[in-house]
Amino acid sequence: MILRKLLDLYGLRRNLWLRQSEMERMQTKKLREILWHAYKNVPFYHEKFRSVGIKPDDVRTVEDLTRVPMTTKSEVQATPLNEMVARNVDVNKFVKNSTSGSTGMPLTTLVDRRTL
């Protein structure tokens, strides 16, 4: 656990000295990895992309994110958990948290123990 934190800290400190172009290239690469992961593993996001006729490869820059439809809180609340969580995630390893529902309906989220 301590080793993981030290590695994370090292990575953050290293990134402080990157040129802007290098930082943007790294951010774009990570963005595309996240989009592909969601598209391949999360039914909800696969359908979001399909509904507007795009694939993660169509999102090449941060500006292209405008092509991806927004996800609303009400959509998340109305979608069954098995469609919102990636197929490669064991939900039993997570802790369920819920908001108070001050907007009228509580929102349940999953948090891993490391994050807690």
PDB file of N, CA and C in Angstrom:
ATOM      1  N   MET A   1       0.830  -1.196   0.000  1.00  0.00           N
ATOM      2  CA  MET A   1       0.000   0.000   0.000  1.00  0.00           C
ATOM      3  C   MET A   1       0.873   1.258   0.000  1.00  0.00           C
ATOM      4  N   ILE A   2       1.889   1.274   0.841  1.00  0.00           N
ATOM      5  CA  ILE A   2       2.780   2.429   0.890  1.00  0.00           C
ATOM      6  C   ILE A   2       3.562   2.538  -0.410  1.00  0.00           C
ATOM      7  N   LEU A   3       3.999   1.394  -0.953  1.00  0.00           N
ATOM      8  CA  LEU A   3       4.730   1.411  -2.215  1.00  0.00           C
ATOM      9  C   LEU A   3       3.864   1.999  -3.326  1.00  0.00           C
ATOM     10  N   ARG A   4       2.589   1.622  -3.371  1.00  0.00           N
ATOM     11  CA  ARG A   4       1.672   2.144  -4.393  1.00  0.00           C
ATOM     12  C   ARG A   4       1.551   3.666  -4.279  1.00  0.00           C
ATOM     13  N   LYS A   5       1.436   4.160  -3.057  1.00  0.00           N
ATOM     14  CA  LYS A   5       1.323   5.603  -2.833  1.00  0.00           C
ATOM     15  C   LYS A   5       2.600   6.326  -3.265  1.00  0.00           C
ATOM     16  N   LEU A   6       3.758   5.722  -2.987  1.00  0.00           N
ATOM     17  CA  LEU A   6       5.030   6.319  -3.395  1.00  0.00           C
ATOM     18  C   LEU A   6       5.156   6.361  -4.918  1.00  0.00           C
ATOM     19  N   LEU A   7       4.729   5.295  -5.579  1.00  0.00           N
ATOM     20  CA  LEU A   7       4.763   5.272  -7.046  1.00  0.00           C
ATOM     21  C   LEU A   7       3.826   6.334  -7.633  1.00  0.00           C
ATOM     22  N   ASP A   8       2.643   6.476  -7.042  1.00  0.00           N
ATOM     23  CA  ASP A   8       1.705   7.509  -7.492  1.00  0.00           C
ATOM     24  C   ASP A   8       2.306   8.901  -7.320  1.00  0.00           C
ATOM     25  N   LEU A   9       2.913   9.135  -6.170  1.00  0.00           N
ATOM     26  CA  LEU A   9       3.539  10.427  -5.896  1.00  0.00           C
ATOM     27  C   LEU A   9       4.681  10.700  -6.873  1.00  0.00           C
ATOM     28  N   TYR A  10       5.489   9.694  -7.145  1.00  0.00           N
ATOM     29  CA  TYR A  10       6.589   9.845  -8.101  1.00  0.00           C
ATOM     30  C   TYR A  10       6.045  10.249  -9.474  1.00  0.00           C
ATOM     31  N   GLY A  11       4.979   9.575  -9.918  1.00  0.00           N
ATOM     32  CA  GLY A  11       4.384   9.894 -11.215  1.00  0.00           C
ATOM     33  C   GLY A  11       3.861  11.320 -11.272  1.00  0.00           C
ATOM     34  N   LEU A  12       3.209  11.754 -10.206  1.00  0.00           N
ATOM     35  CA  LEU A  12       2.687  13.120 -10.165  1.00  0.00           C
ATOM     36  C   LEU A  12       3.813  14.147 -10.208  1.00  0.00           C
ATOM     37  N   ARG A  13       4.869  13.896  -9.452  1.00  0.00           N
ATOM     38  CA  ARG A  13       6.002  14.834  -9.423  1.00  0.00           C
ATOM     39  C   ARG A  13       6.702  14.876 -10.783  1.00  0.00           C
ATOM     40  N   ARG A  14       6.832  13.734 -11.420  1.00  0.00           N
ATOM     41  CA  ARG A  14       7.467  13.672 -12.744  1.00  0.00           C
ATOM     42  C   ARG A  14       6.664  14.490 -13.758  1.00  0.00           C
ATOM     43  N   ASN A  15       5.347  14.411 -13.658  1.00  0.00           N
ATOM     44  CA  ASN A  15       4.489  15.118 -14.609  1.00  0.00           C
ATOM     45  C   ASN A  15       4.568  16.635 -14.468  1.00  0.00           C
ATOM     46  N   LEU A  16       5.003  17.119 -13.326  1.00  0.00           N
ATOM     47  CA  LEU A  16       5.131  18.569 -13.116  1.00  0.00           C
ATOM     48  C   LEU A  16       6.069  19.213 -14.131  1.00  0.00           C
ATOM     49  N   TRP A  17       7.021  18.446 -14.627  1.00  0.00           N
ATOM     50  CA  TRP A  17       8.062  19.001 -15.490  1.00  0.00           C
ATOM     51  C   TRP A  17       7.845  18.705 -16.968  1.00  0.00           C
ATOM     52  N   LEU A  18       6.713  18.112 -17.302  1.00  0.00           N
ATOM     53  CA  LEU A  18       6.431  17.839 -18.707  1.00  0.00           C
ATOM     54  C   LEU A  18       6.124  19.128 -19.466  1.00  0.00           C
ATOM     55  N   ARG A  19       6.517  19.147 -20.733  1.00  0.00           N
ATOM     56  CA  ARG A  19       6.102  20.263 -21.585  1.00  0.00           C
ATOM     57  C   ARG A  19       4.600  20.154 -21.819  1.00  0.00           C
ATOM     58  N   GLN A  20       3.968  21.270 -22.134  1.00  0.00           N
ATOM     59  CA  GLN A  20       2.519  21.272 -22.327  1.00  0.00           C
ATOM     60  C   GLN A  20       2.108  20.278 -23.404  1.00  0.00           C
ATOM     61  N   SER A  21       2.852  20.212 -24.499  1.00  0.00           N
ATOM     62  CA  SER A  21       2.504  19.290 -25.581  1.00  0.00           C
ATOM     63  C   SER A  21       2.585  17.832 -25.109  1.00  0.00           C
ATOM     64  N   GLU A  22       3.574  17.515 -24.272  1.00  0.00           N
ATOM     65  CA  GLU A  22       3.694  16.161 -23.733  1.00  0.00           C
ATOM     66  C   GLU A  22       2.532  15.842 -22.794  1.00  0.00           C
ATOM     67  N   MET A  23       2.161  16.816 -21.962  1.00  0.00           N
ATOM     68  CA  MET A  23       1.044  16.628 -21.037  1.00  0.00           C
ATOM     69  C   MET A  23      -0.253  16.408 -21.814  1.00  0.00           C
ATOM     70  N   GLU A  24      -0.488  17.202 -22.837  1.00  0.00           N
ATOM     71  CA  GLU A  24      -1.704  17.052 -23.642  1.00  0.00           C
ATOM     72  C   GLU A  24      -1.728  15.707 -24.351  1.00  0.00           C
ATOM     73  N   ARG A  25      -0.587  15.260 -24.841  1.00  0.00           N
ATOM     74  CA  ARG A  25      -0.509  13.956 -25.515  1.00  0.00           C
ATOM     75  C   ARG A  25      -0.834  12.834 -24.514  1.00  0.00           C
ATOM     76  N   MET A  26      -0.292  12.931 -23.306  1.00  0.00           N
ATOM     77  CA  MET A  26      -0.566  11.933 -22.273  1.00  0.00           C
ATOM     78  C   MET A  26      -2.043  11.957 -21.875  1.00  0.00           C
ATOM     79  N   GLN A  27      -2.613  13.148 -21.706  1.00  0.00           N
ATOM     80  CA  GLN A  27      -4.018  13.266 -21.332  1.00  0.00           C
ATOM     81  C   GLN A  27      -4.924  12.672 -22.415  1.00  0.00           C
ATOM     82  N   THR A  28      -4.603  12.954 -23.671  1.00  0.00           N
ATOM     83  CA  THR A  28      -5.404  12.426 -24.778  1.00  0.00           C
ATOM     84  C   THR A  28      -5.324  10.908 -24.817  1.00  0.00           C
ATOM     85  N   LYS A  29      -4.129  10.371 -24.614  1.00  0.00           N
ATOM     86  CA  LYS A  29      -3.954   8.913 -24.606  1.00  0.00           C
ATOM     87  C   LYS A  29      -4.795   8.290 -23.496  1.00  0.00           C
ATOM     88  N   LYS A  30      -4.748   8.859 -22.304  1.00  0.00           N
ATOM     89  CA  LYS A  30      -5.507   8.319 -21.177  1.00  0.00           C
ATOM     90  C   LYS A  30      -7.014   8.471 -21.402  1.00  0.00           C
ATOM     91  N   LEU A  31      -7.427   9.602 -21.974  1.00  0.00           N
ATOM     92  CA  LEU A  31      -8.836   9.807 -22.298  1.00  0.00           C
ATOM     93  C   LEU A  31      -9.332   8.718 -23.238  1.00  0.00           C
ATOM     94  N   ARG A  32      -8.557   8.442 -24.280  1.00  0.00           N
ATOM     95  CA  ARG A  32      -8.965   7.424 -25.255  1.00  0.00           C
ATOM     96  C   ARG A  32      -9.014   6.036 -24.614  1.00  0.00           C
ATOM     97  N   GLU A  33      -8.086   5.752 -23.704  1.00  0.00           N
ATOM     98  CA  GLU A  33      -8.110   4.468 -22.993  1.00  0.00           C
ATOM     99  C   GLU A  33      -9.380   4.337 -22.162  1.00  0.00           C
ATOM    100  N   ILE A  34      -9.770   5.407 -21.493  1.00  0.00           N
ATOM    101  CA  ILE A  34     -10.987   5.386 -20.670  1.00  0.00           C
ATOM    102  C   ILE A  34     -12.226   5.193 -21.551  1.00  0.00           C
ATOM    103  N   LEU A  35     -12.274   5.909 -22.671  1.00  0.00           N
ATOM    104  CA  LEU A  35     -13.427   5.788 -23.564  1.00  0.00           C
ATOM    105  C   LEU A  35     -13.549   4.372 -24.115  1.00  0.00           C
ATOM    106  N   TRP A  36     -12.419   3.785 -24.530  1.00  0.00           N
ATOM    107  CA  TRP A  36     -12.458   2.412 -25.044  1.00  0.00           C
ATOM    108  C   TRP A  36     -12.877   1.433 -23.950  1.00  0.00           C
ATOM    109  N   HIS A  37     -12.359   1.619 -22.761  1.00  0.00           N
ATOM    110  CA  HIS A  37     -12.744   0.735 -21.658  1.00  0.00           C
ATOM    111  C   HIS A  37     -14.258   0.807 -21.426  1.00  0.00           C
ATOM    112  N   ALA A  38     -14.784   2.015 -21.351  1.00  0.00           N
ATOM    113  CA  ALA A  38     -16.228   2.177 -21.124  1.00  0.00           C
ATOM    114  C   ALA A  38     -17.029   1.573 -22.272  1.00  0.00           C
ATOM    115  N   TYR A  39     -16.605   1.799 -23.496  1.00  0.00           N
ATOM    116  CA  TYR A  39     -17.319   1.292 -24.673  1.00  0.00           C
ATOM    117  C   TYR A  39     -17.340  -0.236 -24.688  1.00  0.00           C
ATOM    118  N   LYS A  40     -16.209  -0.850 -24.374  1.00  0.00           N
ATOM    119  CA  LYS A  40     -16.108  -2.310 -24.439  1.00  0.00           C
ATOM    120  C   LYS A  40     -16.714  -3.011 -23.222  1.00  0.00           C
ATOM    121  N   ASN A  41     -16.707  -2.353 -22.064  1.00  0.00           N
ATOM    122  CA  ASN A  41     -17.048  -3.055 -20.829  1.00  0.00           C
ATOM    123  C   ASN A  41     -18.298  -2.588 -20.105  1.00  0.00           C
ATOM    124  N   VAL A  42     -18.823  -1.423 -20.435  1.00  0.00           N
ATOM    125  CA  VAL A  42     -19.987  -0.890 -19.725  1.00  0.00           C
ATOM    126  C   VAL A  42     -21.161  -0.767 -20.702  1.00  0.00           C
ATOM    127  N   PRO A  43     -22.160  -1.648 -20.585  1.00  0.00           N
ATOM    128  CA  PRO A  43     -23.281  -1.626 -21.527  1.00  0.00           C
ATOM    129  C   PRO A  43     -23.924  -0.240 -21.681  1.00  0.00           C
ATOM    130  N   PHE A  44     -24.079   0.488 -20.600  1.00  0.00           N
ATOM    131  CA  PHE A  44     -24.704   1.817 -20.654  1.00  0.00           C
ATOM    132  C   PHE A  44     -23.943   2.737 -21.608  1.00  0.00           C
ATOM    133  N   TYR A  45     -22.621   2.784 -21.484  1.00  0.00           N
ATOM    134  CA  TYR A  45     -21.825   3.684 -22.327  1.00  0.00           C
ATOM    135  C   TYR A  45     -21.692   3.167 -23.753  1.00  0.00           C
ATOM    136  N   HIS A  46     -21.681   1.853 -23.924  1.00  0.00           N
ATOM    137  CA  HIS A  46     -21.675   1.305 -25.278  1.00  0.00           C
ATOM    138  C   HIS A  46     -22.929   1.785 -26.033  1.00  0.00           C
ATOM    139  N   GLU A  47     -24.054   1.713 -25.351  1.00  0.00           N
ATOM    140  CA  GLU A  47     -25.311   2.158 -25.963  1.00  0.00           C
ATOM    141  C   GLU A  47     -25.312   3.665 -26.204  1.00  0.00           C
ATOM    142  N   LYS A  48     -24.732   4.442 -25.298  1.00  0.00           N
ATOM    143  CA  LYS A  48     -24.637   5.903 -25.475  1.00  0.00           C
ATOM    144  C   LYS A  48     -23.896   6.227 -26.775  1.00  0.00           C
ATOM    145  N   PHE A  49     -22.773   5.579 -26.968  1.00  0.00           N
ATOM    146  CA  PHE A  49     -21.988   5.803 -28.184  1.00  0.00           C
ATOM    147  C   PHE A  49     -22.767   5.344 -29.419  1.00  0.00           C
ATOM    148  N   ARG A  50     -23.346   4.148 -29.335  1.00  0.00           N
ATOM    149  CA  ARG A  50     -24.081   3.598 -30.470  1.00  0.00           C
ATOM    150  C   ARG A  50     -25.248   4.497 -30.868  1.00  0.00           C
ATOM    151  N   SER A  51     -25.907   5.087 -29.888  1.00  0.00           N
ATOM    152  CA  SER A  51     -27.099   5.904 -30.154  1.00  0.00           C
ATOM    153  C   SER A  51     -26.801   7.139 -31.006  1.00  0.00           C
ATOM    154  N   VAL A  52     -25.562   7.605 -30.983  1.00  0.00           N
ATOM    155  CA  VAL A  52     -25.197   8.768 -31.804  1.00  0.00           C
ATOM    156  C   VAL A  52     -24.248   8.396 -32.940  1.00  0.00           C
ATOM    157  N   GLY A  53     -24.026   7.092 -33.107  1.00  0.00           N
ATOM    158  CA  GLY A  53     -23.230   6.613 -34.233  1.00  0.00           C
ATOM    159  C   GLY A  53     -21.740   6.922 -34.162  1.00  0.00           C
ATOM    160  N   ILE A  54     -21.186   6.915 -32.969  1.00  0.00           N
ATOM    161  CA  ILE A  54     -19.736   7.130 -32.866  1.00  0.00           C
ATOM    162  C   ILE A  54     -19.089   5.985 -32.101  1.00  0.00           C
ATOM    163  N   LYS A  55     -17.782   5.877 -32.284  1.00  0.00           N
ATOM    164  CA  LYS A  55     -16.965   4.919 -31.549  1.00  0.00           C
ATOM    165  C   LYS A  55     -15.852   5.708 -30.881  1.00  0.00           C
ATOM    166  N   PRO A  56     -15.211   5.135 -29.879  1.00  0.00           N
ATOM    167  CA  PRO A  56     -14.142   5.861 -29.187  1.00  0.00           C
ATOM    168  C   PRO A  56     -13.055   6.398 -30.115  1.00  0.00           C
ATOM    169  N   ASP A  57     -12.770   5.711 -31.210  1.00  0.00           N
ATOM    170  CA  ASP A  57     -11.758   6.211 -32.146  1.00  0.00           C
ATOM    171  C   ASP A  57     -12.147   7.537 -32.788  1.00  0.00           C
ATOM    172  N   ASP A  58     -13.438   7.865 -32.771  1.00  0.00           N
ATOM    173  CA  ASP A  58     -13.899   9.145 -33.326  1.00  0.00           C
ATOM    174  C   ASP A  58     -13.565  10.312 -32.401  1.00  0.00           C
ATOM    175  N   VAL A  59     -13.207  10.008 -31.175  1.00  0.00           N
ATOM    176  CA  VAL A  59     -12.833  11.045 -30.205  1.00  0.00           C
ATOM    177  C   VAL A  59     -11.309  11.080 -30.159  1.00  0.00           C
ATOM    178  N   ARG A  60     -10.736  12.016 -30.886  1.00  0.00           N
ATOM    179  CA  ARG A  60      -9.279  12.097 -30.993  1.00  0.00           C
ATOM    180  C   ARG A  60      -8.677  13.178 -30.094  1.00  0.00           C
ATOM    181  N   THR A  61      -9.491  14.159 -29.717  1.00  0.00           N
ATOM    182  CA  THR A  61      -9.012  15.260 -28.875  1.00  0.00           C
ATOM    183  C   THR A  61     -10.067  15.562 -27.815  1.00  0.00           C
ATOM    184  N   VAL A  62      -9.695  16.374 -26.853  1.00  0.00           N
ATOM    185  CA  VAL A  62     -10.641  16.785 -25.812  1.00  0.00           C
ATOM    186  C   VAL A  62     -11.826  17.509 -26.446  1.00  0.00           C
ATOM    187  N   GLU A  63     -11.573  18.282 -27.491  1.00  0.00           N
ATOM    188  CA  GLU A  63     -12.651  19.018 -28.162  1.00  0.00           C
ATOM    189  C   GLU A  63     -13.689  18.072 -28.764  1.00  0.00           C
ATOM    190  N   ASP A  64     -13.257  16.879 -29.168  1.00  0.00           N
ATOM    191  CA  ASP A  64     -14.178  15.895 -29.751  1.00  0.00           C
ATOM    192  C   ASP A  64     -15.155  15.328 -28.726  1.00  0.00           C
ATOM    193  N   LEU A  65     -14.904  15.571 -27.452  1.00  0.00           N
ATOM    194  CA  LEU A  65     -15.816  15.077 -26.421  1.00  0.00           C
ATOM    195  C   LEU A  65     -17.225  15.635 -26.593  1.00  0.00           C
ATOM    196  N   THR A  66     -17.353  16.753 -27.282  1.00  0.00           N
ATOM    197  CA  THR A  66     -18.689  17.318 -27.507  1.00  0.00           C
ATOM    198  C   THR A  66     -19.555  16.383 -28.341  1.00  0.00           C
ATOM    199  N   ARG A  67     -18.957  15.426 -29.026  1.00  0.00           N
ATOM    200  CA  ARG A  67     -19.708  14.459 -29.829  1.00  0.00           C
ATOM    201  C   ARG A  67     -20.326  13.363 -28.961  1.00  0.00           C
ATOM    202  N   VAL A  68     -19.795  13.197 -27.756  1.00  0.00           N
ATOM    203  CA  VAL A  68     -20.301  12.167 -26.844  1.00  0.00           C
ATOM    204  C   VAL A  68     -21.483  12.750 -26.070  1.00  0.00           C
ATOM    205  N   PRO A  69     -22.630  12.070 -26.083  1.00  0.00           N
ATOM    206  CA  PRO A  69     -23.788  12.618 -25.371  1.00  0.00           C
ATOM    207  C   PRO A  69     -23.539  12.713 -23.867  1.00  0.00           C
ATOM    208  N   MET A  70     -24.078  13.747 -23.278  1.00  0.00           N
ATOM    209  CA  MET A  70     -23.967  13.940 -21.834  1.00  0.00           C
ATOM    210  C   MET A  70     -24.715  12.822 -21.112  1.00  0.00           C
ATOM    211  N   THR A  71     -24.229  12.480 -19.945  1.00  0.00           N
ATOM    212  CA  THR A  71     -24.904  11.525 -19.073  1.00  0.00           C
ATOM    213  C   THR A  71     -25.507  12.314 -17.927  1.00  0.00           C
ATOM    214  N   THR A  72     -26.797  12.108 -17.698  1.00  0.00           N
ATOM    215  CA  THR A  72     -27.475  12.848 -16.640  1.00  0.00           C
ATOM    216  C   THR A  72     -27.598  11.990 -15.382  1.00  0.00           C
ATOM    217  N   LYS A  73     -27.785  12.648 -14.283  1.00  0.00           N
ATOM    218  CA  LYS A  73     -27.982  11.959 -13.013  1.00  0.00           C
ATOM    219  C   LYS A  73     -29.211  11.062 -13.083  1.00  0.00           C
ATOM    220  N   SER A  74     -30.257  11.546 -13.718  1.00  0.00           N
ATOM    221  CA  SER A  74     -31.480  10.734 -13.795  1.00  0.00           C
ATOM    222  C   SER A  74     -31.258   9.466 -14.627  1.00  0.00           C
ATOM    223  N   GLU A  75     -30.411   9.539 -15.650  1.00  0.00           N
ATOM    224  CA  GLU A  75     -30.088   8.335 -16.429  1.00  0.00           C
ATOM    225  C   GLU A  75     -29.347   7.321 -15.560  1.00  0.00           C
ATOM    226  N   VAL A  76     -28.402   7.808 -14.783  1.00  0.00           N
ATOM    227  CA  VAL A  76     -27.634   6.929 -13.911  1.00  0.00           C
ATOM    228  C   VAL A  76     -28.562   6.286 -12.879  1.00  0.00           C
ATOM    229  N   GLN A  77     -29.466   7.072 -12.318  1.00  0.00           N
ATOM    230  CA  GLN A  77     -30.392   6.553 -11.314  1.00  0.00           C
ATOM    231  C   GLN A  77     -31.348   5.523 -11.900  1.00  0.00           C
ATOM    232  N   ALA A  78     -31.732   5.698 -13.162  1.00  0.00           N
ATOM    233  CA  ALA A  78     -32.715   4.816 -13.781  1.00  0.00           C
ATOM    234  C   ALA A  78     -32.103   3.550 -14.385  1.00  0.00           C
ATOM    235  N   THR A  79     -30.789   3.495 -14.494  1.00  0.00           N
ATOM    236  CA  THR A  79     -30.117   2.372 -15.139  1.00  0.00           C
ATOM    237  C   THR A  79     -29.740   1.316 -14.109  1.00  0.00           C
ATOM    238  N   PRO A  80     -30.074   0.052 -14.398  1.00  0.00           N
ATOM    239  CA  PRO A  80     -29.701  -1.024 -13.465  1.00  0.00           C
ATOM    240  C   PRO A  80     -28.180  -1.073 -13.259  1.00  0.00           C
ATOM    241  N   LEU A  81     -27.779  -1.423 -12.064  1.00  0.00           N
ATOM    242  CA  LEU A  81     -26.366  -1.446 -11.697  1.00  0.00           C
ATOM    243  C   LEU A  81     -25.530  -2.295 -12.651  1.00  0.00           C
ATOM    244  N   ASN A  82     -26.055  -3.436 -13.083  1.00  0.00           N
ATOM    245  CA  ASN A  82     -25.279  -4.318 -13.960  1.00  0.00           C
ATOM    246  C   ASN A  82     -25.019  -3.704 -15.338  1.00  0.00           C
ATOM    247  N   GLU A  83     -25.754  -2.668 -15.703  1.00  0.00           N
ATOM    248  CA  GLU A  83     -25.500  -1.978 -16.971  1.00  0.00           C
ATOM    249  C   GLU A  83     -24.568  -0.782 -16.800  1.00  0.00           C
ATOM    250  N   MET A  84     -24.382  -0.344 -15.560  1.00  0.00           N
ATOM    251  CA  MET A  84     -23.528   0.823 -15.281  1.00  0.00           C
ATOM    252  C   MET A  84     -22.107   0.439 -14.884  1.00  0.00           C
ATOM    253  N   VAL A  85     -21.932  -0.776 -14.373  1.00  0.00           N
ATOM    254  CA  VAL A  85     -20.622  -1.211 -13.887  1.00  0.00           C
ATOM    255  C   VAL A  85     -19.943  -2.040 -14.979  1.00  0.00           C
ATOM    256  N   ALA A  86     -18.654  -1.840 -15.140  1.00  0.00           N
ATOM    257  CA  ALA A  86     -17.893  -2.581 -16.144  1.00  0.00           C
ATOM    258  C   ALA A  86     -17.990  -4.076 -15.897  1.00  0.00           C
ATOM    259  N   ARG A  87     -18.048  -4.829 -16.989  1.00  0.00           N
ATOM    260  CA  ARG A  87     -18.177  -6.288 -16.897  1.00  0.00           C
ATOM    261  C   ARG A  87     -17.016  -6.933 -16.143  1.00  0.00           C
ATOM    262  N   ASN A  88     -15.854  -6.303 -16.185  1.00  0.00           N
ATOM    263  CA  ASN A  88     -14.662  -6.887 -15.562  1.00  0.00           C
ATOM    264  C   ASN A  88     -14.474  -6.433 -14.111  1.00  0.00           C
ATOM    265  N   VAL A  89     -15.544  -5.904 -13.495  1.00  0.00           N
ATOM    266  CA  VAL A  89     -15.473  -5.418 -12.116  1.00  0.00           C
ATOM    267  C   VAL A  89     -16.364  -6.289 -11.233  1.00  0.00           C
ATOM    268  N   ASP A  90     -15.815  -6.732 -10.118  1.00  0.00           N
ATOM    269  CA  ASP A  90     -16.568  -7.504  -9.132  1.00  0.00           C
ATOM    270  C   ASP A  90     -17.183  -6.525  -8.134  1.00  0.00           C
ATOM    271  N   VAL A  91     -18.483  -6.290  -8.242  1.00  0.00           N
ATOM    272  CA  VAL A  91     -19.138  -5.305  -7.381  1.00  0.00           C
ATOM    273  C   VAL A  91     -19.082  -5.692  -5.902  1.00  0.00           C
ATOM    274  N   ASN A  92     -18.837  -6.964  -5.616  1.00  0.00           N
ATOM    275  CA  ASN A  92     -18.758  -7.410  -4.224  1.00  0.00           C
ATOM    276  C   ASN A  92     -17.507  -6.885  -3.520  1.00  0.00           C
ATOM    277  N   LYS A  93     -16.557  -6.378  -4.276  1.00  0.00           N
ATOM    278  CA  LYS A  93     -15.333  -5.825  -3.685  1.00  0.00           C
ATOM    279  C   LYS A  93     -15.467  -4.337  -3.392  1.00  0.00           C
ATOM    280  N   PHE A  94     -16.645  -3.785  -3.606  1.00  0.00           N
ATOM    281  CA  PHE A  94     -16.880  -2.362  -3.416  1.00  0.00           C
ATOM    282  C   PHE A  94     -17.884  -2.113  -2.302  1.00  0.00           C
ATOM    283  N   VAL A  95     -17.862  -0.887  -1.817  1.00  0.00           N
ATOM    284  CA  VAL A  95     -18.799  -0.458  -0.788  1.00  0.00           C
ATOM    285  C   VAL A  95     -19.814   0.467  -1.457  1.00  0.00           C
ATOM    286  N   LYS A  96     -21.095   0.248  -1.173  1.00  0.00           N
ATOM    287  CA  LYS A  96     -22.131   1.111  -1.729  1.00  0.00           C
ATOM    288  C   LYS A  96     -22.278   2.358  -0.864  1.00  0.00           C
ATOM    289  N   ASN A  97     -22.283   3.501  -1.502  1.00  0.00           N
ATOM    290  CA  ASN A  97     -22.545   4.785  -0.844  1.00  0.00           C
ATOM    291  C   ASN A  97     -23.773   5.391  -1.490  1.00  0.00           C
ATOM    292  N   SER A  98     -24.547   6.104  -0.717  1.00  0.00           N
ATOM    293  CA  SER A  98     -25.717   6.783  -1.274  1.00  0.00           C
ATOM    294  C   SER A  98     -25.714   8.239  -0.843  1.00  0.00           C
ATOM    295  N   THR A  99     -26.172   9.086  -1.756  1.00  0.00           N
ATOM    296  CA  THR A  99     -26.347  10.493  -1.401  1.00  0.00           C
ATOM    297  C   THR A  99     -27.627  10.608  -0.584  1.00  0.00           C
ATOM    298  N   SER A 100     -27.839  11.758  -0.009  1.00  0.00           N
ATOM    299  CA  SER A 100     -29.016  11.951   0.833  1.00  0.00           C
ATOM    300  C   SER A 100     -30.299  12.066   0.017  1.00  0.00           C
ATOM    301  N   GLY A 101     -30.168  12.367  -1.260  1.00  0.00           N
ATOM    302  CA  GLY A 101     -31.351  12.508  -2.092  1.00  0.00           C
ATOM    303  C   GLY A 101     -31.984  13.881  -2.004  1.00  0.00           C
ATOM    304  N   SER A 102     -31.178  14.904  -1.727  1.00  0.00           N
ATOM    305  CA  SER A 102     -31.717  16.259  -1.568  1.00  0.00           C
ATOM    306  C   SER A 102     -32.369  16.776  -2.854  1.00  0.00           C
ATOM    307  N   THR A 103     -32.046  16.173  -4.001  1.00  0.00           N
ATOM    308  CA  THR A 103     -32.663  16.596  -5.260  1.00  0.00           C
ATOM    309  C   THR A 103     -33.943  15.808  -5.540  1.00  0.00           C
ATOM    310  N   GLY A 104     -34.328  14.965  -4.603  1.00  0.00           N
ATOM    311  CA  GLY A 104     -35.561  14.212  -4.770  1.00  0.00           C
ATOM    312  C   GLY A 104     -35.350  12.715  -4.890  1.00  0.00           C
ATOM    313  N   MET A 105     -34.156  12.294  -5.305  1.00  0.00           N
ATOM    314  CA  MET A 105     -33.888  10.869  -5.458  1.00  0.00           C
ATOM    315  C   MET A 105     -32.421  10.608  -5.135  1.00  0.00           C
ATOM    316  N   PRO A 106     -32.144   9.716  -4.199  1.00  0.00           N
ATOM    317  CA  PRO A 106     -30.752   9.456  -3.851  1.00  0.00           C
ATOM    318  C   PRO A 106     -29.989   8.782  -4.993  1.00  0.00           C
ATOM    319  N   LEU A 107     -28.687   8.991  -5.018  1.00  0.00           N
ATOM    320  CA  LEU A 107     -27.830   8.381  -6.022  1.00  0.00           C
ATOM    321  C   LEU A 107     -26.892   7.417  -5.305  1.00  0.00           C
ATOM    322  N   THR A 108     -26.871   6.176  -5.772  1.00  0.00           N
ATOM    323  CA  THR A 108     -25.986   5.174  -5.193  1.00  0.00           C
ATOM    324  C   THR A 108     -24.723   5.081  -6.035  1.00  0.00           C
ATOM    325  N   THR A 109     -23.577   5.085  -5.366  1.00  0.00           N
ATOM    326  CA  THR A 109     -22.291   4.930  -6.039  1.00  0.00           C
ATOM    327  C   THR A 109     -21.535   3.780  -5.389  1.00  0.00           C
ATOM    328  N   LEU A 110     -20.566   3.247  -6.121  1.00  0.00           N
ATOM    329  CA  LEU A 110     -19.695   2.209  -5.592  1.00  0.00           C
ATOM    330  C   LEU A 110     -18.317   2.798  -5.399  1.00  0.00           C
ATOM    331  N   VAL A 111     -17.693   2.502  -4.259  1.00  0.00           N
ATOM    332  CA  VAL A 111     -16.371   3.009  -3.954  1.00  0.00           C
ATOM    333  C   VAL A 111     -15.499   1.845  -3.525  1.00  0.00           C
ATOM    334  N   ASP A 112     -14.282   1.771  -4.081  1.00  0.00           N
ATOM    335  CA  ASP A 112     -13.400   0.680  -3.647  1.00  0.00           C
ATOM    336  C   ASP A 112     -12.799   1.011  -2.287  1.00  0.00           C
ATOM    337  N   ARG A 113     -12.403  -0.017  -1.595  1.00  0.00           N
ATOM    338  CA  ARG A 113     -11.891   0.152  -0.241  1.00  0.00           C
ATOM    339  C   ARG A 113     -10.633   1.021  -0.203  1.00  0.00           C
ATOM    340  N   ARG A 114      -9.806   0.938  -1.225  1.00  0.00           N
ATOM    341  CA  ARG A 114      -8.581   1.757  -1.283  1.00  0.00           C
ATOM    342  C   ARG A 114      -8.931   3.236  -1.317  1.00  0.00           C
ATOM    343  N   THR A 115      -9.970   3.575  -2.055  1.00  0.00           N
ATOM    344  CA  THR A 115     -10.387   4.976  -2.142  1.00  0.00           C
ATOM    345  C   THR A 115     -10.936   5.468  -0.817  1.00  0.00           C
ATOM    346  N   LEU A 116     -11.670   4.602  -0.115  1.00  0.00           N
ATOM    347  CA  LEU A 116     -12.212   4.992   1.193  1.00  0.00           C
ATOM    348  C   LEU A 116     -11.089   5.345   2.136  1.00  0.00           C
TER     349      LEU A 116
END
